[in-house]
Amino acid sequence: MDVMIQLQRQLREHSAFLRKEGYLDDQFEQLQKLQDESSPDFVVEVVSIFFDDSEKLLNNLAKALEQKAVDFKQVDAHVHQFKGSSASIGAMRVKNVCIEFRNYCEAQNIEECLTCMQKLQFEYSVLKNQLEYLFRLEQQIRAAGV
């Protein structure tokens, strides 16, 4: 039982850390409230779709920014989509980079767009690792019988 208590404490602490550091906002809690016994993997499934979409968007963004003549409208459309999907799961830091990124698309500032692209890749990568850790803790708790 000690292991269970320890895992639950780790889960609470990690969830609090993600909120405090601005990785996740209230929207993530709203998603968690939609999860119940009939759909115990709801949040994991929704976030997995977000991860798949994000990988595609990051690839599309990278390709769009590599063009000799960057189509800022196309870049902005990808960033706008990324902003929406990150907001829908409560990925606050990713969403905030997207907001900044869109401003530089509007200004057609390629250097700042490239900087934002790096920030976006970094924040997305950190978020993905943090959420995967959170989901592993939840899985261990379920496996342990609660």
C-alpha atoms as a PDB file:
ATOM      1  CA  MET A   1       0.000   0.000   0.000  1.00  0.00           C
ATOM      2  CA  ASP A   2       2.960   2.316   0.621  1.00  0.00           C
ATOM      3  CA  VAL A   3       3.777   2.191  -3.095  1.00  0.00           C
ATOM      4  CA  MET A   4       0.210   3.260  -3.904  1.00  0.00           C
ATOM      5  CA  ILE A   5       0.387   6.231  -1.524  1.00  0.00           C
ATOM      6  CA  GLN A   6       3.754   7.211  -2.971  1.00  0.00           C
ATOM      7  CA  LEU A   7       2.452   7.000  -6.562  1.00  0.00           C
ATOM      8  CA  GLN A   8      -0.638   9.062  -5.718  1.00  0.00           C
ATOM      9  CA  ARG A   9       1.549  11.678  -4.026  1.00  0.00           C
ATOM     10  CA  GLN A  10       3.848  11.796  -7.077  1.00  0.00           C
ATOM     11  CA  LEU A  11       0.802  12.223  -9.324  1.00  0.00           C
ATOM     12  CA  ARG A  12      -0.591  15.094  -7.214  1.00  0.00           C
ATOM     13  CA  GLU A  13       2.818  16.787  -7.029  1.00  0.00           C
ATOM     14  CA  HIS A  14       3.455  16.415 -10.758  1.00  0.00           C
ATOM     15  CA  SER A  15      -0.013  17.746 -11.628  1.00  0.00           C
ATOM     16  CA  ALA A  16       0.576  20.735  -9.329  1.00  0.00           C
ATOM     17  CA  PHE A  17       4.010  21.317 -10.913  1.00  0.00           C
ATOM     18  CA  LEU A  18       2.508  21.343 -14.425  1.00  0.00           C
ATOM     19  CA  ARG A  19      -0.058  23.938 -13.333  1.00  0.00           C
ATOM     20  CA  LYS A  20       2.405  26.089 -11.359  1.00  0.00           C
ATOM     21  CA  GLU A  21       4.940  26.171 -14.211  1.00  0.00           C
ATOM     22  CA  GLY A  22       2.254  27.089 -16.744  1.00  0.00           C
ATOM     23  CA  TYR A  23       2.428  23.921 -18.832  1.00  0.00           C
ATOM     24  CA  LEU A  24      -1.273  23.262 -18.270  1.00  0.00           C
ATOM     25  CA  ASP A  25      -4.264  25.462 -17.498  1.00  0.00           C
ATOM     26  CA  ASP A  26      -7.889  24.937 -16.427  1.00  0.00           C
ATOM     27  CA  GLN A  27      -8.806  23.420 -19.783  1.00  0.00           C
ATOM     28  CA  PHE A  28      -6.763  20.302 -18.939  1.00  0.00           C
ATOM     29  CA  GLU A  29      -8.756  19.922 -15.697  1.00  0.00           C
ATOM     30  CA  GLN A  30     -11.966  20.234 -17.719  1.00  0.00           C
ATOM     31  CA  LEU A  31     -10.767  17.360 -19.921  1.00  0.00           C
ATOM     32  CA  GLN A  32      -9.988  15.281 -16.838  1.00  0.00           C
ATOM     33  CA  LYS A  33     -13.527  15.858 -15.540  1.00  0.00           C
ATOM     34  CA  LEU A  34     -14.903  14.281 -18.731  1.00  0.00           C
ATOM     35  CA  GLN A  35     -13.061  11.057 -17.928  1.00  0.00           C
ATOM     36  CA  ASP A  36     -14.943   8.393 -15.978  1.00  0.00           C
ATOM     37  CA  GLU A  37     -15.243   4.601 -15.562  1.00  0.00           C
ATOM     38  CA  SER A  38     -16.861   4.256 -18.990  1.00  0.00           C
ATOM     39  CA  SER A  39     -13.949   6.090 -20.650  1.00  0.00           C
ATOM     40  CA  PRO A  40     -10.912   5.669 -18.357  1.00  0.00           C
ATOM     41  CA  ASP A  41      -8.458   6.537 -21.157  1.00  0.00           C
ATOM     42  CA  PHE A  42     -10.328   9.605 -22.442  1.00  0.00           C
ATOM     43  CA  VAL A  43      -7.590  12.144 -21.611  1.00  0.00           C
ATOM     44  CA  VAL A  44      -4.810   9.889 -22.948  1.00  0.00           C
ATOM     45  CA  GLU A  45      -6.759   9.395 -26.189  1.00  0.00           C
ATOM     46  CA  VAL A  46      -7.444  13.121 -26.649  1.00  0.00           C
ATOM     47  CA  VAL A  47      -3.829  14.037 -25.878  1.00  0.00           C
ATOM     48  CA  SER A  48      -2.549  11.284 -28.214  1.00  0.00           C
ATOM     49  CA  ILE A  49      -4.543  12.847 -31.050  1.00  0.00           C
ATOM     50  CA  PHE A  50      -3.036  16.220 -30.080  1.00  0.00           C
ATOM     51  CA  PHE A  51       0.471  14.679 -30.221  1.00  0.00           C
ATOM     52  CA  ASP A  52      -0.170  13.154 -33.682  1.00  0.00           C
ATOM     53  CA  ASP A  53      -1.593  16.412 -35.042  1.00  0.00           C
ATOM     54  CA  SER A  54       1.240  18.417 -33.478  1.00  0.00           C
ATOM     55  CA  GLU A  55       3.935  16.277 -35.088  1.00  0.00           C
ATOM     56  CA  LYS A  56       2.313  16.868 -38.495  1.00  0.00           C
ATOM     57  CA  LEU A  57       1.927  20.600 -37.851  1.00  0.00           C
ATOM     58  CA  LEU A  58       5.548  20.951 -36.723  1.00  0.00           C
ATOM     59  CA  ASN A  59       6.710  19.154 -39.881  1.00  0.00           C
ATOM     60  CA  ASN A  60       4.487  21.354 -42.066  1.00  0.00           C
ATOM     61  CA  LEU A  61       5.738  24.482 -40.294  1.00  0.00           C
ATOM     62  CA  ALA A  62       9.371  23.477 -40.719  1.00  0.00           C
ATOM     63  CA  LYS A  63       8.820  22.863 -44.448  1.00  0.00           C
ATOM     64  CA  ALA A  64       6.957  26.150 -44.887  1.00  0.00           C
ATOM     65  CA  LEU A  65       9.738  28.102 -43.144  1.00  0.00           C
ATOM     66  CA  GLU A  66      12.436  26.455 -45.294  1.00  0.00           C
ATOM     67  CA  GLN A  67      10.999  27.855 -48.542  1.00  0.00           C
ATOM     68  CA  LYS A  68      13.006  30.500 -50.384  1.00  0.00           C
ATOM     69  CA  ALA A  69       9.911  32.708 -50.460  1.00  0.00           C
ATOM     70  CA  VAL A  70       8.121  32.014 -47.181  1.00  0.00           C
ATOM     71  CA  ASP A  71       4.330  32.096 -47.473  1.00  0.00           C
ATOM     72  CA  PHE A  72       3.559  33.781 -44.142  1.00  0.00           C
ATOM     73  CA  LYS A  73      -0.189  33.237 -44.600  1.00  0.00           C
ATOM     74  CA  GLN A  74       0.404  29.478 -44.818  1.00  0.00           C
ATOM     75  CA  VAL A  75       2.773  29.545 -41.820  1.00  0.00           C
ATOM     76  CA  ASP A  76       0.196  31.548 -39.868  1.00  0.00           C
ATOM     77  CA  ALA A  77      -2.556  29.056 -40.778  1.00  0.00           C
ATOM     78  CA  HIS A  78      -0.450  26.181 -39.355  1.00  0.00           C
ATOM     79  CA  VAL A  79       0.387  28.188 -36.220  1.00  0.00           C
ATOM     80  CA  HIS A  80      -3.281  29.156 -35.797  1.00  0.00           C
ATOM     81  CA  GLN A  81      -4.274  25.484 -35.986  1.00  0.00           C
ATOM     82  CA  PHE A  82      -1.557  24.564 -33.464  1.00  0.00           C
ATOM     83  CA  LYS A  83      -2.749  27.339 -31.149  1.00  0.00           C
ATOM     84  CA  GLY A  84      -6.309  26.013 -31.281  1.00  0.00           C
ATOM     85  CA  SER A  85      -5.396  22.406 -30.631  1.00  0.00           C
ATOM     86  CA  SER A  86      -3.016  23.297 -27.792  1.00  0.00           C
ATOM     87  CA  ALA A  87      -5.672  25.541 -26.209  1.00  0.00           C
ATOM     88  CA  SER A  88      -8.216  22.706 -26.440  1.00  0.00           C
ATOM     89  CA  ILE A  89      -6.105  20.438 -24.211  1.00  0.00           C
ATOM     90  CA  GLY A  90      -4.914  23.240 -21.924  1.00  0.00           C
ATOM     91  CA  ALA A  91      -1.312  23.349 -23.174  1.00  0.00           C
ATOM     92  CA  MET A  92      -0.798  26.943 -22.063  1.00  0.00           C
ATOM     93  CA  ARG A  93       2.920  27.416 -22.774  1.00  0.00           C
ATOM     94  CA  VAL A  94       2.601  25.963 -26.286  1.00  0.00           C
ATOM     95  CA  LYS A  95      -0.458  28.161 -26.925  1.00  0.00           C
ATOM     96  CA  ASN A  96       1.421  31.257 -25.726  1.00  0.00           C
ATOM     97  CA  VAL A  97       4.343  30.605 -28.091  1.00  0.00           C
ATOM     98  CA  CYS A  98       1.797  30.260 -30.908  1.00  0.00           C
ATOM     99  CA  ILE A  99       0.337  33.674 -30.053  1.00  0.00           C
ATOM    100  CA  GLU A 100       3.818  35.232 -30.230  1.00  0.00           C
ATOM    101  CA  PHE A 101       4.577  33.279 -33.435  1.00  0.00           C
ATOM    102  CA  ARG A 102       1.409  34.599 -35.124  1.00  0.00           C
ATOM    103  CA  ASN A 103       2.461  38.192 -34.396  1.00  0.00           C
ATOM    104  CA  TYR A 104       5.757  37.593 -36.223  1.00  0.00           C
ATOM    105  CA  CYS A 105       3.929  35.943 -39.134  1.00  0.00           C
ATOM    106  CA  GLU A 106       1.782  39.041 -39.424  1.00  0.00           C
ATOM    107  CA  ALA A 107       4.930  41.209 -39.390  1.00  0.00           C
ATOM    108  CA  GLN A 108       6.532  38.789 -41.907  1.00  0.00           C
ATOM    109  CA  ASN A 109       9.639  38.635 -39.716  1.00  0.00           C
ATOM    110  CA  ILE A 110      11.417  35.435 -40.768  1.00  0.00           C
ATOM    111  CA  GLU A 111      14.151  35.607 -38.099  1.00  0.00           C
ATOM    112  CA  GLU A 112      11.637  35.867 -35.264  1.00  0.00           C
ATOM    113  CA  CYS A 113       9.466  33.185 -36.899  1.00  0.00           C
ATOM    114  CA  LEU A 114      12.465  30.836 -36.907  1.00  0.00           C
ATOM    115  CA  THR A 115      13.132  31.679 -33.242  1.00  0.00           C
ATOM    116  CA  CYS A 116       9.486  30.973 -32.417  1.00  0.00           C
ATOM    117  CA  MET A 117       9.702  27.695 -34.309  1.00  0.00           C
ATOM    118  CA  GLN A 118      12.575  26.629 -32.038  1.00  0.00           C
ATOM    119  CA  LYS A 119      10.623  27.745 -28.950  1.00  0.00           C
ATOM    120  CA  LEU A 120       7.554  25.869 -30.174  1.00  0.00           C
ATOM    121  CA  GLN A 121       9.515  22.658 -30.762  1.00  0.00           C
ATOM    122  CA  PHE A 122      11.111  22.987 -27.321  1.00  0.00           C
ATOM    123  CA  GLU A 123       7.864  23.714 -25.421  1.00  0.00           C
ATOM    124  CA  TYR A 124       6.030  20.950 -27.285  1.00  0.00           C
ATOM    125  CA  SER A 125       8.800  18.451 -26.528  1.00  0.00           C
ATOM    126  CA  VAL A 126       8.850  19.347 -22.819  1.00  0.00           C
ATOM    127  CA  LEU A 127       5.045  19.170 -22.628  1.00  0.00           C
ATOM    128  CA  LYS A 128       4.987  15.785 -24.344  1.00  0.00           C
ATOM    129  CA  ASN A 129       7.570  14.368 -21.917  1.00  0.00           C
ATOM    130  CA  GLN A 130       5.753  15.822 -18.897  1.00  0.00           C
ATOM    131  CA  LEU A 131       2.354  14.470 -19.982  1.00  0.00           C
ATOM    132  CA  GLU A 132       3.782  11.048 -20.830  1.00  0.00           C
ATOM    133  CA  TYR A 133       5.229  10.928 -17.297  1.00  0.00           C
ATOM    134  CA  LEU A 134       1.857  11.975 -15.830  1.00  0.00           C
ATOM    135  CA  PHE A 135       0.076   9.249 -17.819  1.00  0.00           C
ATOM    136  CA  ARG A 136       2.637   6.615 -16.720  1.00  0.00           C
ATOM    137  CA  LEU A 137       1.958   7.527 -13.080  1.00  0.00           C
ATOM    138  CA  GLU A 138      -1.798   7.216 -13.662  1.00  0.00           C
ATOM    139  CA  GLN A 139      -1.279   3.865 -15.377  1.00  0.00           C
ATOM    140  CA  GLN A 140       0.843   2.572 -12.486  1.00  0.00           C
ATOM    141  CA  ILE A 141      -1.831   3.640 -10.012  1.00  0.00           C
ATOM    142  CA  ARG A 142      -4.542   1.855 -12.018  1.00  0.00           C
ATOM    143  CA  ALA A 143      -2.363  -1.230 -12.339  1.00  0.00           C
ATOM    144  CA  ALA A 144      -1.835  -1.213  -8.583  1.00  0.00           C
ATOM    145  CA  GLY A 145      -5.554  -1.505  -8.109  1.00  0.00           C
ATOM    146  CA  VAL A 146      -7.145   1.860  -7.371  1.00  0.00           C
END
